[in-house]
Amino acid sequence: MNGVERELSDRRFDVLLERLDRIGDELAKLNRRADNDENFLKLTRELASLNASLQALGLFQWPPPAASVPTSFPLVAV
C-alpha cells in the first residue's frame, strides 16, 4: 500500500468514525426520549390509579356531571 492509498484509507476510517459518533449521539437521544416516555407512562398510570381511588371515595368525578356545567349564559340587559 503506497502513501496515497494509505491516506485515503485513513480518511475513510476518520469519516466512518465521525458517522459512528453521530449514530451514537442519536442513540443517546433516543434512549433519553424512551426513558422520558416510560416515566410519562408511569405518571399516567399513577394518576389513573389516584383518580379511581378518589372516585371510589366519592371525592372526585371526572368529567364533572353535565348538570353542573352551564349550557348557556344568562342574558343581562345593560
PDB file of N, CA and C in Angstrom:
ATOM      1  N   MET A   1       0.866  -1.173   0.000  1.00  0.00           N
ATOM      2  CA  MET A   1       0.000   0.000   0.000  1.00  0.00           C
ATOM      3  C   MET A   1       0.908   1.230   0.000  1.00  0.00           C
ATOM      4  N   ASN A   2       0.704   2.106  -0.983  1.00  0.00           N
ATOM      5  CA  ASN A   2       1.554   3.301  -1.035  1.00  0.00           C
ATOM      6  C   ASN A   2       0.965   4.410  -0.155  1.00  0.00           C
ATOM      7  N   GLY A   3       1.651   5.541  -0.095  1.00  0.00           N
ATOM      8  CA  GLY A   3       1.249   6.638   0.778  1.00  0.00           C
ATOM      9  C   GLY A   3      -0.114   7.212   0.450  1.00  0.00           C
ATOM     10  N   VAL A   4      -0.445   7.324  -0.844  1.00  0.00           N
ATOM     11  CA  VAL A   4      -1.732   7.897  -1.265  1.00  0.00           C
ATOM     12  C   VAL A   4      -2.873   6.968  -0.850  1.00  0.00           C
ATOM     13  N   GLU A   5      -2.690   5.680  -1.084  1.00  0.00           N
ATOM     14  CA  GLU A   5      -3.731   4.715  -0.714  1.00  0.00           C
ATOM     15  C   GLU A   5      -3.920   4.697   0.798  1.00  0.00           C
ATOM     16  N   ARG A   6      -2.834   4.786   1.525  1.00  0.00           N
ATOM     17  CA  ARG A   6      -2.927   4.775   2.991  1.00  0.00           C
ATOM     18  C   ARG A   6      -3.660   6.030   3.488  1.00  0.00           C
ATOM     19  N   GLU A   7      -3.360   7.182   2.858  1.00  0.00           N
ATOM     20  CA  GLU A   7      -4.020   8.436   3.239  1.00  0.00           C
ATOM     21  C   GLU A   7      -5.524   8.343   2.977  1.00  0.00           C
ATOM     22  N   LEU A   8      -5.904   7.783   1.810  1.00  0.00           N
ATOM     23  CA  LEU A   8      -7.318   7.611   1.503  1.00  0.00           C
ATOM     24  C   LEU A   8      -7.981   6.663   2.498  1.00  0.00           C
ATOM     25  N   SER A   9      -7.273   5.606   2.842  1.00  0.00           N
ATOM     26  CA  SER A   9      -7.797   4.649   3.803  1.00  0.00           C
ATOM     27  C   SER A   9      -7.992   5.314   5.162  1.00  0.00           C
ATOM     28  N   ASP A  10      -7.034   6.139   5.580  1.00  0.00           N
ATOM     29  CA  ASP A  10      -7.138   6.854   6.851  1.00  0.00           C
ATOM     30  C   ASP A  10      -8.319   7.826   6.832  1.00  0.00           C
ATOM     31  N   ARG A  11      -8.528   8.517   5.722  1.00  0.00           N
ATOM     32  CA  ARG A  11      -9.664   9.447   5.611  1.00  0.00           C
ATOM     33  C   ARG A  11     -10.980   8.707   5.705  1.00  0.00           C
ATOM     34  N   ARG A  12     -11.066   7.586   5.011  1.00  0.00           N
ATOM     35  CA  ARG A  12     -12.295   6.790   5.074  1.00  0.00           C
ATOM     36  C   ARG A  12     -12.564   6.322   6.501  1.00  0.00           C
ATOM     37  N   PHE A  13     -11.512   5.919   7.176  1.00  0.00           N
ATOM     38  CA  PHE A  13     -11.649   5.487   8.560  1.00  0.00           C
ATOM     39  C   PHE A  13     -12.135   6.640   9.435  1.00  0.00           C
ATOM     40  N   ASP A  14     -11.563   7.832   9.243  1.00  0.00           N
ATOM     41  CA  ASP A  14     -11.989   9.008  10.015  1.00  0.00           C
ATOM     42  C   ASP A  14     -13.453   9.346   9.746  1.00  0.00           C
ATOM     43  N   VAL A  15     -13.869   9.280   8.481  1.00  0.00           N
ATOM     44  CA  VAL A  15     -15.265   9.550   8.127  1.00  0.00           C
ATOM     45  C   VAL A  15     -16.180   8.521   8.792  1.00  0.00           C
ATOM     46  N   LEU A  16     -15.765   7.278   8.773  1.00  0.00           N
ATOM     47  CA  LEU A  16     -16.548   6.224   9.399  1.00  0.00           C
ATOM     48  C   LEU A  16     -16.679   6.456  10.905  1.00  0.00           C
ATOM     49  N   LEU A  17     -15.581   6.856  11.547  1.00  0.00           N
ATOM     50  CA  LEU A  17     -15.629   7.159  12.983  1.00  0.00           C
ATOM     51  C   LEU A  17     -16.569   8.326  13.276  1.00  0.00           C
ATOM     52  N   GLU A  18     -16.536   9.362  12.440  1.00  0.00           N
ATOM     53  CA  GLU A  18     -17.436  10.507  12.626  1.00  0.00           C
ATOM     54  C   GLU A  18     -18.893  10.067  12.514  1.00  0.00           C
ATOM     55  N   ARG A  19     -19.178   9.234  11.523  1.00  0.00           N
ATOM     56  CA  ARG A  19     -20.545   8.733  11.353  1.00  0.00           C
ATOM     57  C   ARG A  19     -20.967   7.904  12.552  1.00  0.00           C
ATOM     58  N   LEU A  20     -20.069   7.059  13.033  1.00  0.00           N
ATOM     59  CA  LEU A  20     -20.393   6.246  14.206  1.00  0.00           C
ATOM     60  C   LEU A  20     -20.639   7.121  15.434  1.00  0.00           C
ATOM     61  N   ASP A  21     -19.864   8.202  15.576  1.00  0.00           N
ATOM     62  CA  ASP A  21     -20.093   9.142  16.684  1.00  0.00           C
ATOM     63  C   ASP A  21     -21.473   9.771  16.590  1.00  0.00           C
ATOM     64  N   ARG A  22     -21.872  10.182  15.381  1.00  0.00           N
ATOM     65  CA  ARG A  22     -23.207  10.772  15.202  1.00  0.00           C
ATOM     66  C   ARG A  22     -24.298   9.756  15.503  1.00  0.00           C
ATOM     67  N   ILE A  23     -24.091   8.518  15.059  1.00  0.00           N
ATOM     68  CA  ILE A  23     -25.080   7.469  15.354  1.00  0.00           C
ATOM     69  C   ILE A  23     -25.173   7.250  16.862  1.00  0.00           C
ATOM     70  N   GLY A  24     -24.032   7.249  17.535  1.00  0.00           N
ATOM     71  CA  GLY A  24     -24.026   7.104  18.995  1.00  0.00           C
ATOM     72  C   GLY A  24     -24.767   8.235  19.679  1.00  0.00           C
ATOM     73  N   ASP A  25     -24.582   9.464  19.198  1.00  0.00           N
ATOM     74  CA  ASP A  25     -25.300  10.617  19.757  1.00  0.00           C
ATOM     75  C   ASP A  25     -26.811  10.471  19.558  1.00  0.00           C
ATOM     76  N   GLU A  26     -27.207  10.045  18.362  1.00  0.00           N
ATOM     77  CA  GLU A  26     -28.640   9.853  18.095  1.00  0.00           C
ATOM     78  C   GLU A  26     -29.226   8.761  18.970  1.00  0.00           C
ATOM     79  N   LEU A  27     -28.478   7.687  19.185  1.00  0.00           N
ATOM     80  CA  LEU A  27     -28.957   6.616  20.063  1.00  0.00           C
ATOM     81  C   LEU A  27     -29.129   7.119  21.494  1.00  0.00           C
ATOM     82  N   ALA A  28     -28.208   7.955  21.936  1.00  0.00           N
ATOM     83  CA  ALA A  28     -28.325   8.522  23.283  1.00  0.00           C
ATOM     84  C   ALA A  28     -29.584   9.375  23.397  1.00  0.00           C
ATOM     85  N   LYS A  29     -29.873  10.176  22.359  1.00  0.00           N
ATOM     86  CA  LYS A  29     -31.096  10.990  22.357  1.00  0.00           C
ATOM     87  C   LYS A  29     -32.337  10.103  22.398  1.00  0.00           C
ATOM     88  N   LEU A  30     -32.325   9.047  21.594  1.00  0.00           N
ATOM     89  CA  LEU A  30     -33.474   8.140  21.574  1.00  0.00           C
ATOM     90  C   LEU A  30     -33.663   7.449  22.920  1.00  0.00           C
ATOM     91  N   ASN A  31     -32.578   7.078  23.557  1.00  0.00           N
ATOM     92  CA  ASN A  31     -32.676   6.452  24.874  1.00  0.00           C
ATOM     93  C   ASN A  31     -33.250   7.412  25.908  1.00  0.00           C
ATOM     94  N   ARG A  32     -32.815   8.679  25.860  1.00  0.00           N
ATOM     95  CA  ARG A  32     -33.373   9.670  26.790  1.00  0.00           C
ATOM     96  C   ARG A  32     -34.860   9.849  26.540  1.00  0.00           C
ATOM     97  N   ARG A  33     -35.246   9.911  25.263  1.00  0.00           N
ATOM     98  CA  ARG A  33     -36.663  10.067  24.928  1.00  0.00           C
ATOM     99  C   ARG A  33     -37.465   8.857  25.406  1.00  0.00           C
ATOM    100  N   ALA A  34     -36.919   7.666  25.214  1.00  0.00           N
ATOM    101  CA  ALA A  34     -37.611   6.452  25.666  1.00  0.00           C
ATOM    102  C   ALA A  34     -37.759   6.452  27.189  1.00  0.00           C
ATOM    103  N   ASP A  35     -36.721   6.896  27.895  1.00  0.00           N
ATOM    104  CA  ASP A  35     -36.804   6.983  29.356  1.00  0.00           C
ATOM    105  C   ASP A  35     -37.887   7.969  29.763  1.00  0.00           C
ATOM    106  N   ASN A  36     -37.949   9.113  29.078  1.00  0.00           N
ATOM    107  CA  ASN A  36     -38.976  10.107  29.388  1.00  0.00           C
ATOM    108  C   ASN A  36     -40.360   9.557  29.098  1.00  0.00           C
ATOM    109  N   ASP A  37     -40.515   8.852  27.976  1.00  0.00           N
ATOM    110  CA  ASP A  37     -41.808   8.254  27.644  1.00  0.00           C
ATOM    111  C   ASP A  37     -42.214   7.236  28.695  1.00  0.00           C
ATOM    112  N   GLU A  38     -41.257   6.445  29.154  1.00  0.00           N
ATOM    113  CA  GLU A  38     -41.543   5.443  30.180  1.00  0.00           C
ATOM    114  C   GLU A  38     -41.971   6.118  31.481  1.00  0.00           C
ATOM    115  N   ASN A  39     -41.276   7.184  31.859  1.00  0.00           N
ATOM    116  CA  ASN A  39     -41.653   7.920  33.075  1.00  0.00           C
ATOM    117  C   ASN A  39     -43.028   8.552  32.919  1.00  0.00           C
ATOM    118  N   PHE A  40     -43.335   9.057  31.725  1.00  0.00           N
ATOM    119  CA  PHE A  40     -44.648   9.640  31.485  1.00  0.00           C
ATOM    120  C   PHE A  40     -45.741   8.581  31.620  1.00  0.00           C
ATOM    121  N   LEU A  41     -45.491   7.385  31.098  1.00  0.00           N
ATOM    122  CA  LEU A  41     -46.470   6.305  31.218  1.00  0.00           C
ATOM    123  C   LEU A  41     -46.682   5.910  32.673  1.00  0.00           C
ATOM    124  N   LYS A  42     -45.596   5.879  33.460  1.00  0.00           N
ATOM    125  CA  LYS A  42     -45.729   5.582  34.889  1.00  0.00           C
ATOM    126  C   LYS A  42     -46.588   6.648  35.569  1.00  0.00           C
ATOM    127  N   LEU A  43     -46.344   7.901  35.214  1.00  0.00           N
ATOM    128  CA  LEU A  43     -47.099   9.003  35.803  1.00  0.00           C
ATOM    129  C   LEU A  43     -48.579   8.901  35.451  1.00  0.00           C
ATOM    130  N   THR A  44     -48.894   8.591  34.189  1.00  0.00           N
ATOM    131  CA  THR A  44     -50.301   8.483  33.794  1.00  0.00           C
ATOM    132  C   THR A  44     -50.979   7.319  34.504  1.00  0.00           C
ATOM    133  N   ARG A  45     -50.251   6.216  34.699  1.00  0.00           N
ATOM    134  CA  ARG A  45     -50.837   5.083  35.436  1.00  0.00           C
ATOM    135  C   ARG A  45     -51.106   5.474  36.885  1.00  0.00           C
ATOM    136  N   GLU A  46     -50.172   6.206  37.496  1.00  0.00           N
ATOM    137  CA  GLU A  46     -50.361   6.651  38.879  1.00  0.00           C
ATOM    138  C   GLU A  46     -51.559   7.602  38.986  1.00  0.00           C
ATOM    139  N   LEU A  47     -51.689   8.514  38.014  1.00  0.00           N
ATOM    140  CA  LEU A  47     -52.830   9.435  38.034  1.00  0.00           C
ATOM    141  C   LEU A  47     -54.145   8.695  37.840  1.00  0.00           C
ATOM    142  N   ALA A  48     -54.153   7.695  36.961  1.00  0.00           N
ATOM    143  CA  ALA A  48     -55.369   6.901  36.766  1.00  0.00           C
ATOM    144  C   ALA A  48     -55.736   6.155  38.041  1.00  0.00           C
ATOM    145  N   SER A  49     -54.732   5.642  38.720  1.00  0.00           N
ATOM    146  CA  SER A  49     -54.970   4.944  39.985  1.00  0.00           C
ATOM    147  C   SER A  49     -55.502   5.906  41.047  1.00  0.00           C
ATOM    148  N   LEU A  50     -54.907   7.073  41.134  1.00  0.00           N
ATOM    149  CA  LEU A  50     -55.372   8.085  42.084  1.00  0.00           C
ATOM    150  C   LEU A  50     -56.798   8.501  41.763  1.00  0.00           C
ATOM    151  N   ASN A  51     -57.100   8.711  40.487  1.00  0.00           N
ATOM    152  CA  ASN A  51     -58.445   9.086  40.064  1.00  0.00           C
ATOM    153  C   ASN A  51     -59.446   8.008  40.470  1.00  0.00           C
ATOM    154  N   ALA A  52     -59.116   6.737  40.233  1.00  0.00           N
ATOM    155  CA  ALA A  52     -60.013   5.641  40.607  1.00  0.00           C
ATOM    156  C   ALA A  52     -60.231   5.608  42.114  1.00  0.00           C
ATOM    157  N   SER A  53     -59.183   5.834  42.879  1.00  0.00           N
ATOM    158  CA  SER A  53     -59.308   5.840  44.341  1.00  0.00           C
ATOM    159  C   SER A  53     -60.201   6.974  44.815  1.00  0.00           C
ATOM    160  N   LEU A  54     -59.986   8.167  44.249  1.00  0.00           N
ATOM    161  CA  LEU A  54     -60.813   9.317  44.646  1.00  0.00           C
ATOM    162  C   LEU A  54     -62.267   9.121  44.242  1.00  0.00           C
ATOM    163  N   GLN A  55     -62.496   8.540  43.071  1.00  0.00           N
ATOM    164  CA  GLN A  55     -63.874   8.275  42.655  1.00  0.00           C
ATOM    165  C   GLN A  55     -64.521   7.247  43.566  1.00  0.00           C
ATOM    166  N   ALA A  56     -63.757   6.230  43.978  1.00  0.00           N
ATOM    167  CA  ALA A  56     -64.301   5.209  44.882  1.00  0.00           C
ATOM    168  C   ALA A  56     -64.691   5.824  46.220  1.00  0.00           C
ATOM    169  N   LEU A  57     -63.955   6.835  46.647  1.00  0.00           N
ATOM    170  CA  LEU A  57     -64.272   7.525  47.897  1.00  0.00           C
ATOM    171  C   LEU A  57     -65.345   8.595  47.709  1.00  0.00           C
ATOM    172  N   GLY A  58     -65.717   8.851  46.466  1.00  0.00           N
ATOM    173  CA  GLY A  58     -66.724   9.859  46.181  1.00  0.00           C
ATOM    174  C   GLY A  58     -66.214  11.277  46.303  1.00  0.00           C
ATOM    175  N   LEU A  59     -64.909  11.460  46.230  1.00  0.00           N
ATOM    176  CA  LEU A  59     -64.327  12.790  46.395  1.00  0.00           C
ATOM    177  C   LEU A  59     -64.061  13.513  45.086  1.00  0.00           C
ATOM    178  N   PHE A  60     -64.111  12.787  43.992  1.00  0.00           N
ATOM    179  CA  PHE A  60     -63.732  13.391  42.732  1.00  0.00           C
ATOM    180  C   PHE A  60     -64.454  12.680  41.608  1.00  0.00           C
ATOM    181  N   GLN A  61     -64.915  13.461  40.630  1.00  0.00           N
ATOM    182  CA  GLN A  61     -65.538  12.855  39.464  1.00  0.00           C
ATOM    183  C   GLN A  61     -65.093  13.604  38.223  1.00  0.00           C
ATOM    184  N   TRP A  62     -64.522  12.869  37.275  1.00  0.00           N
ATOM    185  CA  TRP A  62     -64.092  13.483  36.027  1.00  0.00           C
ATOM    186  C   TRP A  62     -64.581  12.670  34.867  1.00  0.00           C
ATOM    187  N   PRO A  63     -65.203  13.216  33.912  1.00  0.00           N
ATOM    188  CA  PRO A  63     -65.562  14.633  33.818  1.00  0.00           C
ATOM    189  C   PRO A  63     -66.681  14.966  34.785  1.00  0.00           C
ATOM    190  N   PRO A  64     -66.837  16.246  35.111  1.00  0.00           N
ATOM    191  CA  PRO A  64     -67.891  16.624  36.055  1.00  0.00           C
ATOM    192  C   PRO A  64     -69.260  16.297  35.480  1.00  0.00           C
ATOM    193  N   PRO A  65     -70.250  16.120  36.357  1.00  0.00           N
ATOM    194  CA  PRO A  65     -71.604  15.828  35.876  1.00  0.00           C
ATOM    195  C   PRO A  65     -72.095  16.920  34.931  1.00  0.00           C
ATOM    196  N   ALA A  66     -72.845  16.554  33.929  1.00  0.00           N
ATOM    197  CA  ALA A  66     -73.319  17.512  32.924  1.00  0.00           C
ATOM    198  C   ALA A  66     -74.215  18.577  33.541  1.00  0.00           C
ATOM    199  N   ALA A  67     -74.929  18.255  34.596  1.00  0.00           N
ATOM    200  CA  ALA A  67     -75.840  19.217  35.222  1.00  0.00           C
ATOM    201  C   ALA A  67     -75.089  20.390  35.832  1.00  0.00           C
ATOM    202  N   SER A  68     -73.840  20.198  36.230  1.00  0.00           N
ATOM    203  CA  SER A  68     -73.110  21.287  36.869  1.00  0.00           C
ATOM    204  C   SER A  68     -72.398  22.189  35.862  1.00  0.00           C
ATOM    205  N   VAL A  69     -72.417  21.824  34.599  1.00  0.00           N
ATOM    206  CA  VAL A  69     -71.776  22.632  33.569  1.00  0.00           C
ATOM    207  C   VAL A  69     -72.846  23.464  32.868  1.00  0.00           C
ATOM    208  N   PRO A  70     -72.749  24.805  32.945  1.00  0.00           N
ATOM    209  CA  PRO A  70     -73.772  25.628  32.293  1.00  0.00           C
ATOM    210  C   PRO A  70     -73.743  25.439  30.772  1.00  0.00           C
ATOM    211  N   THR A  71     -74.931  25.311  30.197  1.00  0.00           N
ATOM    212  CA  THR A  71     -75.017  25.151  28.745  1.00  0.00           C
ATOM    213  C   THR A  71     -75.146  26.486  28.039  1.00  0.00           C
ATOM    214  N   SER A  72     -75.611  27.508  28.764  1.00  0.00           N
ATOM    215  CA  SER A  72     -75.706  28.841  28.187  1.00  0.00           C
ATOM    216  C   SER A  72     -75.564  29.855  29.309  1.00  0.00           C
ATOM    217  N   PHE A  73     -75.256  31.064  28.936  1.00  0.00           N
ATOM    218  CA  PHE A  73     -75.093  32.108  29.921  1.00  0.00           C
ATOM    219  C   PHE A  73     -76.340  32.988  29.902  1.00  0.00           C
ATOM    220  N   PRO A  74     -76.791  33.405  31.073  1.00  0.00           N
ATOM    221  CA  PRO A  74     -77.983  34.263  31.088  1.00  0.00           C
ATOM    222  C   PRO A  74     -77.685  35.616  30.435  1.00  0.00           C
ATOM    223  N   LEU A  75     -78.655  36.132  29.741  1.00  0.00           N
ATOM    224  CA  LEU A  75     -78.504  37.445  29.116  1.00  0.00           C
ATOM    225  C   LEU A  75     -78.800  38.512  30.159  1.00  0.00           C
ATOM    226  N   VAL A  76     -77.950  39.501  30.190  1.00  0.00           N
ATOM    227  CA  VAL A  76     -78.105  40.588  31.160  1.00  0.00           C
ATOM    228  C   VAL A  76     -78.262  41.872  30.372  1.00  0.00           C
ATOM    229  N   ALA A  77     -79.353  42.614  30.670  1.00  0.00           N
ATOM    230  CA  ALA A  77     -79.579  43.894  29.988  1.00  0.00           C
ATOM    231  C   ALA A  77     -78.616  44.913  30.563  1.00  0.00           C
ATOM    232  N   VAL A  78     -78.030  45.709  29.664  1.00  0.00           N
ATOM    233  CA  VAL A  78     -77.080  46.731  30.109  1.00  0.00           C
ATOM    234  C   VAL A  78     -77.683  48.083  29.967  1.00  0.00           C
TER     235      VAL A  78
END
